Amino acid sequence: MQSYNIRLSDKPFIDRVKFPYGFRKAGDFSIAEADLLTKYGKTLLNLESGTDSPQSSDEQHFVEFVAGKVPASNSLEKVWQKYVHLARGKRHFYTLHSTASNQSDFDEDYTDESFDVA
């Protein structure tokens, strides 16, 4: 397992809004990714928001990664990128049932003149 020169969080990182049953049970993260988020998540969130200032080269690299200056270079940055995408990105929801409001998109070429009722 890779070690990071990033401070461990005082408390476990939990996102009850987007992952109410935890990162492990969400099905989006591997066990190793869920453990990384739980251990380092609060520190990474504070570094991202600017609440904490970086105290090591790894933390400085993470801040530059979050700012978009450098690509993700380790598994911790990659799992944070995945978390941000899943937690803050738009989720698509598909159903098998279309509503009447969506039906107008498909009825543009429909006219009554095409039917001959005799």
N, C-alpha and C. Protein backbone atom coordinates (compact mmCIF):
# COMPACT_ATOMS: atom_id res chain seq x y z
N MET A 1 0.85 -1.19 0.00
CA MET A 1 0.00 0.00 0.00
C MET A 1 0.88 1.24 0.00
N GLN A 2 0.48 2.19 -0.76
CA GLN A 2 1.24 3.43 -0.90
C GLN A 2 0.99 4.33 0.30
N SER A 3 2.05 4.99 0.77
CA SER A 3 1.86 5.94 1.87
C SER A 3 1.89 7.35 1.30
N TYR A 4 1.13 8.21 1.91
CA TYR A 4 1.00 9.59 1.45
C TYR A 4 1.49 10.51 2.55
N ASN A 5 2.09 11.59 2.14
CA ASN A 5 2.54 12.59 3.09
C ASN A 5 1.43 13.64 3.25
N ILE A 6 0.26 13.13 3.60
CA ILE A 6 -0.92 13.96 3.82
C ILE A 6 -1.46 13.62 5.20
N ARG A 7 -1.88 14.64 5.92
CA ARG A 7 -2.39 14.44 7.28
C ARG A 7 -3.64 13.57 7.27
N LEU A 8 -3.73 12.67 8.22
CA LEU A 8 -4.94 11.88 8.39
C LEU A 8 -6.01 12.74 9.03
N SER A 9 -7.24 12.48 8.71
CA SER A 9 -8.35 13.22 9.30
C SER A 9 -8.54 12.82 10.74
N ASP A 10 -8.99 13.77 11.56
CA ASP A 10 -9.28 13.48 12.96
C ASP A 10 -10.47 12.53 13.08
N LYS A 11 -11.48 12.76 12.27
CA LYS A 11 -12.69 11.94 12.26
C LYS A 11 -12.84 11.32 10.87
N PRO A 12 -13.53 10.21 10.77
CA PRO A 12 -13.77 9.62 9.45
C PRO A 12 -14.60 10.56 8.58
N PHE A 13 -14.29 10.57 7.30
CA PHE A 13 -15.03 11.39 6.33
C PHE A 13 -16.27 10.63 5.90
N ILE A 14 -17.43 11.26 6.06
CA ILE A 14 -18.70 10.64 5.71
C ILE A 14 -19.53 11.66 4.94
N ASP A 15 -20.08 11.24 3.82
CA ASP A 15 -20.97 12.09 3.03
C ASP A 15 -22.36 11.47 3.07
N ARG A 16 -23.14 11.86 4.08
CA ARG A 16 -24.46 11.26 4.28
C ARG A 16 -25.48 11.70 3.24
N VAL A 17 -25.20 12.81 2.53
CA VAL A 17 -26.16 13.30 1.54
C VAL A 17 -26.10 12.45 0.27
N LYS A 18 -24.92 12.30 -0.31
CA LYS A 18 -24.78 11.57 -1.57
C LYS A 18 -24.55 10.08 -1.39
N PHE A 19 -23.97 9.69 -0.27
CA PHE A 19 -23.68 8.29 0.02
C PHE A 19 -24.20 7.95 1.42
N PRO A 20 -25.53 7.86 1.58
CA PRO A 20 -26.12 7.70 2.91
C PRO A 20 -25.73 6.40 3.62
N TYR A 21 -25.35 5.38 2.87
CA TYR A 21 -25.00 4.11 3.49
C TYR A 21 -23.49 3.91 3.55
N GLY A 22 -22.73 4.93 3.24
CA GLY A 22 -21.28 4.86 3.29
C GLY A 22 -20.67 4.59 1.94
N PHE A 23 -19.38 4.82 1.84
CA PHE A 23 -18.67 4.65 0.58
C PHE A 23 -18.55 3.18 0.19
N ARG A 24 -18.39 2.31 1.17
CA ARG A 24 -18.23 0.88 0.88
C ARG A 24 -19.50 0.28 0.30
N LYS A 25 -20.64 0.70 0.80
CA LYS A 25 -21.91 0.11 0.36
C LYS A 25 -22.51 0.82 -0.84
N ALA A 26 -21.90 1.90 -1.28
CA ALA A 26 -22.45 2.66 -2.40
C ALA A 26 -22.35 1.89 -3.72
N GLY A 27 -21.33 1.04 -3.83
CA GLY A 27 -21.15 0.30 -5.07
C GLY A 27 -20.33 1.04 -6.11
N ASP A 28 -19.93 2.26 -5.80
CA ASP A 28 -19.16 3.07 -6.75
C ASP A 28 -17.66 3.00 -6.49
N PHE A 29 -17.27 2.61 -5.29
CA PHE A 29 -15.87 2.61 -4.90
C PHE A 29 -15.44 1.20 -4.50
N SER A 30 -14.17 0.90 -4.77
CA SER A 30 -13.61 -0.35 -4.25
C SER A 30 -13.40 -0.19 -2.75
N ILE A 31 -13.08 -1.28 -2.08
CA ILE A 31 -12.85 -1.22 -0.63
C ILE A 31 -11.65 -0.32 -0.33
N ALA A 32 -10.60 -0.44 -1.14
CA ALA A 32 -9.41 0.40 -0.93
C ALA A 32 -9.73 1.88 -1.15
N GLU A 33 -10.53 2.18 -2.17
CA GLU A 33 -10.91 3.58 -2.43
C GLU A 33 -11.78 4.12 -1.30
N ALA A 34 -12.71 3.31 -0.82
CA ALA A 34 -13.58 3.74 0.29
C ALA A 34 -12.75 4.01 1.54
N ASP A 35 -11.75 3.17 1.80
CA ASP A 35 -10.89 3.39 2.96
C ASP A 35 -10.07 4.66 2.83
N LEU A 36 -9.56 4.95 1.63
CA LEU A 36 -8.81 6.18 1.41
C LEU A 36 -9.68 7.41 1.65
N LEU A 37 -10.91 7.38 1.12
CA LEU A 37 -11.82 8.51 1.33
C LEU A 37 -12.15 8.69 2.81
N THR A 38 -12.36 7.60 3.50
CA THR A 38 -12.70 7.67 4.92
C THR A 38 -11.55 8.23 5.74
N LYS A 39 -10.32 7.81 5.43
CA LYS A 39 -9.16 8.25 6.21
C LYS A 39 -8.73 9.68 5.90
N TYR A 40 -8.70 10.04 4.62
CA TYR A 40 -8.13 11.32 4.20
C TYR A 40 -9.16 12.35 3.74
N GLY A 41 -10.43 11.97 3.67
CA GLY A 41 -11.45 12.83 3.08
C GLY A 41 -11.59 14.21 3.68
N LYS A 42 -11.63 14.30 5.00
CA LYS A 42 -11.79 15.62 5.65
C LYS A 42 -10.61 16.52 5.36
N THR A 43 -9.41 15.96 5.38
CA THR A 43 -8.22 16.76 5.08
C THR A 43 -8.26 17.24 3.63
N LEU A 44 -8.63 16.35 2.72
CA LEU A 44 -8.69 16.72 1.30
C LEU A 44 -9.77 17.77 1.06
N LEU A 45 -10.90 17.63 1.72
CA LEU A 45 -11.97 18.63 1.59
C LEU A 45 -11.52 19.98 2.11
N ASN A 46 -10.82 20.00 3.24
CA ASN A 46 -10.32 21.27 3.80
C ASN A 46 -9.24 21.88 2.90
N LEU A 47 -8.40 21.05 2.31
CA LEU A 47 -7.39 21.57 1.38
C LEU A 47 -8.05 22.13 0.12
N GLU A 48 -9.07 21.45 -0.35
CA GLU A 48 -9.77 21.90 -1.55
C GLU A 48 -10.49 23.23 -1.32
N SER A 49 -11.11 23.36 -0.16
CA SER A 49 -11.87 24.58 0.12
C SER A 49 -10.98 25.74 0.57
N GLY A 50 -9.73 25.44 0.92
CA GLY A 50 -8.83 26.49 1.37
C GLY A 50 -8.88 26.71 2.87
N THR A 51 -9.65 25.91 3.59
CA THR A 51 -9.71 26.02 5.05
C THR A 51 -8.36 25.72 5.67
N ASP A 52 -7.69 24.68 5.17
CA ASP A 52 -6.34 24.33 5.63
C ASP A 52 -5.33 24.68 4.55
N SER A 53 -4.15 25.06 4.96
CA SER A 53 -3.09 25.31 3.99
C SER A 53 -2.20 24.07 3.90
N PRO A 54 -1.63 23.82 2.73
CA PRO A 54 -0.79 22.63 2.56
C PRO A 54 0.46 22.70 3.42
N GLN A 55 0.82 21.55 4.04
CA GLN A 55 1.97 21.49 4.92
C GLN A 55 3.04 20.53 4.42
N SER A 56 2.83 19.91 3.26
CA SER A 56 3.82 19.00 2.70
C SER A 56 3.78 19.09 1.19
N SER A 57 4.73 18.44 0.55
CA SER A 57 4.77 18.48 -0.91
C SER A 57 3.58 17.74 -1.51
N ASP A 58 3.14 16.64 -0.89
CA ASP A 58 1.97 15.92 -1.38
C ASP A 58 0.70 16.76 -1.25
N GLU A 59 0.58 17.47 -0.15
CA GLU A 59 -0.59 18.34 0.02
C GLU A 59 -0.55 19.50 -0.97
N GLN A 60 0.63 20.04 -1.24
CA GLN A 60 0.75 21.11 -2.22
C GLN A 60 0.39 20.60 -3.61
N HIS A 61 0.83 19.39 -3.93
CA HIS A 61 0.50 18.80 -5.24
C HIS A 61 -1.01 18.58 -5.35
N PHE A 62 -1.66 18.17 -4.24
CA PHE A 62 -3.11 17.99 -4.26
C PHE A 62 -3.82 19.31 -4.51
N VAL A 63 -3.36 20.37 -3.90
CA VAL A 63 -3.96 21.69 -4.10
C VAL A 63 -3.82 22.11 -5.57
N GLU A 64 -2.66 21.85 -6.15
CA GLU A 64 -2.46 22.17 -7.56
C GLU A 64 -3.33 21.29 -8.45
N PHE A 65 -3.51 20.03 -8.05
CA PHE A 65 -4.39 19.12 -8.79
C PHE A 65 -5.84 19.61 -8.76
N VAL A 66 -6.30 20.03 -7.59
CA VAL A 66 -7.67 20.51 -7.46
C VAL A 66 -7.88 21.79 -8.26
N ALA A 67 -6.84 22.60 -8.35
CA ALA A 67 -6.93 23.85 -9.12
C ALA A 67 -6.86 23.60 -10.62
N GLY A 68 -6.55 22.37 -11.02
CA GLY A 68 -6.50 22.04 -12.44
C GLY A 68 -5.16 22.31 -13.09
N LYS A 69 -4.14 22.55 -12.30
CA LYS A 69 -2.82 22.87 -12.83
C LYS A 69 -2.03 21.62 -13.21
N VAL A 70 -2.27 20.51 -12.52
CA VAL A 70 -1.56 19.26 -12.78
C VAL A 70 -2.58 18.11 -12.80
N PRO A 71 -2.28 17.04 -13.53
CA PRO A 71 -3.19 15.88 -13.53
C PRO A 71 -3.01 15.06 -12.25
N ALA A 72 -3.96 14.18 -12.00
CA ALA A 72 -3.89 13.29 -10.84
C ALA A 72 -2.71 12.35 -11.01
N SER A 73 -1.87 12.25 -9.98
CA SER A 73 -0.66 11.45 -10.10
C SER A 73 -0.62 10.25 -9.17
N ASN A 74 -1.53 10.16 -8.21
CA ASN A 74 -1.54 9.01 -7.31
C ASN A 74 -2.98 8.55 -7.09
N SER A 75 -3.11 7.41 -6.43
CA SER A 75 -4.45 6.83 -6.25
C SER A 75 -5.34 7.69 -5.35
N LEU A 76 -4.76 8.44 -4.43
CA LEU A 76 -5.55 9.30 -3.56
C LEU A 76 -6.20 10.43 -4.37
N GLU A 77 -5.43 11.04 -5.26
CA GLU A 77 -5.98 12.10 -6.10
C GLU A 77 -7.00 11.53 -7.09
N LYS A 78 -6.76 10.34 -7.59
CA LYS A 78 -7.71 9.73 -8.52
C LYS A 78 -9.03 9.38 -7.83
N VAL A 79 -8.95 8.88 -6.61
CA VAL A 79 -10.20 8.56 -5.90
C VAL A 79 -10.93 9.84 -5.51
N TRP A 80 -10.22 10.92 -5.21
CA TRP A 80 -10.88 12.19 -4.92
C TRP A 80 -11.57 12.72 -6.17
N GLN A 81 -10.92 12.57 -7.30
CA GLN A 81 -11.51 12.99 -8.57
C GLN A 81 -12.79 12.19 -8.85
N LYS A 82 -12.76 10.91 -8.58
CA LYS A 82 -13.92 10.05 -8.75
C LYS A 82 -15.04 10.45 -7.79
N TYR A 83 -14.68 10.73 -6.53
CA TYR A 83 -15.66 11.16 -5.54
C TYR A 83 -16.34 12.46 -5.97
N VAL A 84 -15.55 13.43 -6.39
CA VAL A 84 -16.11 14.72 -6.80
C VAL A 84 -17.04 14.54 -7.99
N HIS A 85 -16.64 13.72 -8.93
CA HIS A 85 -17.48 13.47 -10.10
C HIS A 85 -18.82 12.84 -9.70
N LEU A 86 -18.78 11.86 -8.81
CA LEU A 86 -20.00 11.18 -8.40
C LEU A 86 -20.86 12.03 -7.45
N ALA A 87 -20.23 12.75 -6.55
CA ALA A 87 -20.98 13.51 -5.55
C ALA A 87 -21.51 14.84 -6.07
N ARG A 88 -20.77 15.46 -6.96
CA ARG A 88 -21.16 16.80 -7.41
C ARG A 88 -21.61 16.85 -8.85
N GLY A 89 -21.36 15.79 -9.59
CA GLY A 89 -21.75 15.74 -10.99
C GLY A 89 -23.23 15.44 -11.13
N LYS A 90 -23.76 15.69 -12.30
CA LYS A 90 -25.17 15.42 -12.56
C LYS A 90 -25.34 13.94 -12.85
N ARG A 91 -26.24 13.32 -12.15
CA ARG A 91 -26.53 11.91 -12.38
C ARG A 91 -27.70 11.81 -13.35
N HIS A 92 -27.56 10.94 -14.30
CA HIS A 92 -28.64 10.71 -15.27
C HIS A 92 -29.55 9.62 -14.74
N PHE A 93 -30.83 9.84 -14.90
CA PHE A 93 -31.81 8.89 -14.42
C PHE A 93 -32.70 8.53 -15.60
N TYR A 94 -32.76 7.27 -15.91
CA TYR A 94 -33.55 6.80 -17.04
C TYR A 94 -34.70 5.94 -16.53
N THR A 95 -35.85 6.12 -17.16
CA THR A 95 -37.00 5.30 -16.81
C THR A 95 -37.55 4.65 -18.07
N LEU A 96 -38.40 3.69 -17.88
CA LEU A 96 -39.06 3.05 -19.02
C LEU A 96 -40.39 3.71 -19.33
N HIS A 97 -40.77 4.67 -18.55
CA HIS A 97 -42.05 5.34 -18.69
C HIS A 97 -41.80 6.78 -19.12
N SER A 98 -42.42 7.18 -20.21
CA SER A 98 -42.28 8.57 -20.62
C SER A 98 -43.51 9.34 -20.18
N THR A 99 -43.32 10.58 -19.84
CA THR A 99 -44.44 11.40 -19.37
C THR A 99 -45.03 12.16 -20.54
N ALA A 100 -46.18 12.72 -20.32
CA ALA A 100 -46.85 13.49 -21.36
C ALA A 100 -46.05 14.72 -21.75
N SER A 101 -45.32 15.29 -20.82
CA SER A 101 -44.54 16.48 -21.14
C SER A 101 -43.40 16.14 -22.10
N ASN A 102 -42.86 14.93 -22.04
CA ASN A 102 -41.81 14.51 -22.96
C ASN A 102 -42.38 14.07 -24.30
N GLN A 103 -43.64 13.73 -24.33
CA GLN A 103 -44.25 13.22 -25.55
C GLN A 103 -44.28 14.28 -26.65
N SER A 104 -44.32 15.55 -26.30
CA SER A 104 -44.36 16.61 -27.30
C SER A 104 -43.10 16.64 -28.15
N ASP A 105 -42.00 16.13 -27.64
CA ASP A 105 -40.77 16.08 -28.42
C ASP A 105 -40.89 15.13 -29.59
N PHE A 106 -41.75 14.12 -29.47
CA PHE A 106 -41.87 13.10 -30.50
C PHE A 106 -43.03 13.35 -31.44
N ASP A 107 -43.90 14.29 -31.13
CA ASP A 107 -45.11 14.53 -31.91
C ASP A 107 -45.02 15.74 -32.82
N GLU A 108 -43.83 16.22 -33.15
CA GLU A 108 -43.70 17.43 -33.96
C GLU A 108 -44.20 17.22 -35.39
N ASP A 109 -43.99 16.02 -35.95
CA ASP A 109 -44.38 15.79 -37.33
C ASP A 109 -45.77 15.16 -37.45
N TYR A 110 -46.48 15.05 -36.39
CA TYR A 110 -47.82 14.45 -36.39
C TYR A 110 -48.84 15.47 -36.85
N THR A 111 -49.68 15.05 -37.78
CA THR A 111 -50.80 15.89 -38.20
C THR A 111 -52.04 15.02 -38.32
N ASP A 112 -53.22 15.63 -38.21
CA ASP A 112 -54.47 14.89 -38.36
C ASP A 112 -54.78 14.60 -39.82
N GLU A 113 -54.14 15.32 -40.73
CA GLU A 113 -54.45 15.18 -42.15
C GLU A 113 -53.99 13.84 -42.70
N SER A 114 -53.09 13.15 -42.04
CA SER A 114 -52.58 11.89 -42.58
C SER A 114 -53.58 10.74 -42.41
N PHE A 115 -54.63 10.94 -41.62
CA PHE A 115 -55.61 9.89 -41.42
C PHE A 115 -56.86 10.20 -42.24
N ASP A 116 -57.30 9.21 -42.99
CA ASP A 116 -58.52 9.36 -43.78
C ASP A 116 -59.59 8.51 -43.13
N VAL A 117 -60.54 9.18 -42.52
CA VAL A 117 -61.63 8.46 -41.87
C VAL A 117 -62.83 8.53 -42.80
N ALA A 118 -63.26 7.38 -43.34
CA ALA A 118 -64.36 7.39 -44.30
C ALA A 118 -65.57 6.70 -43.81
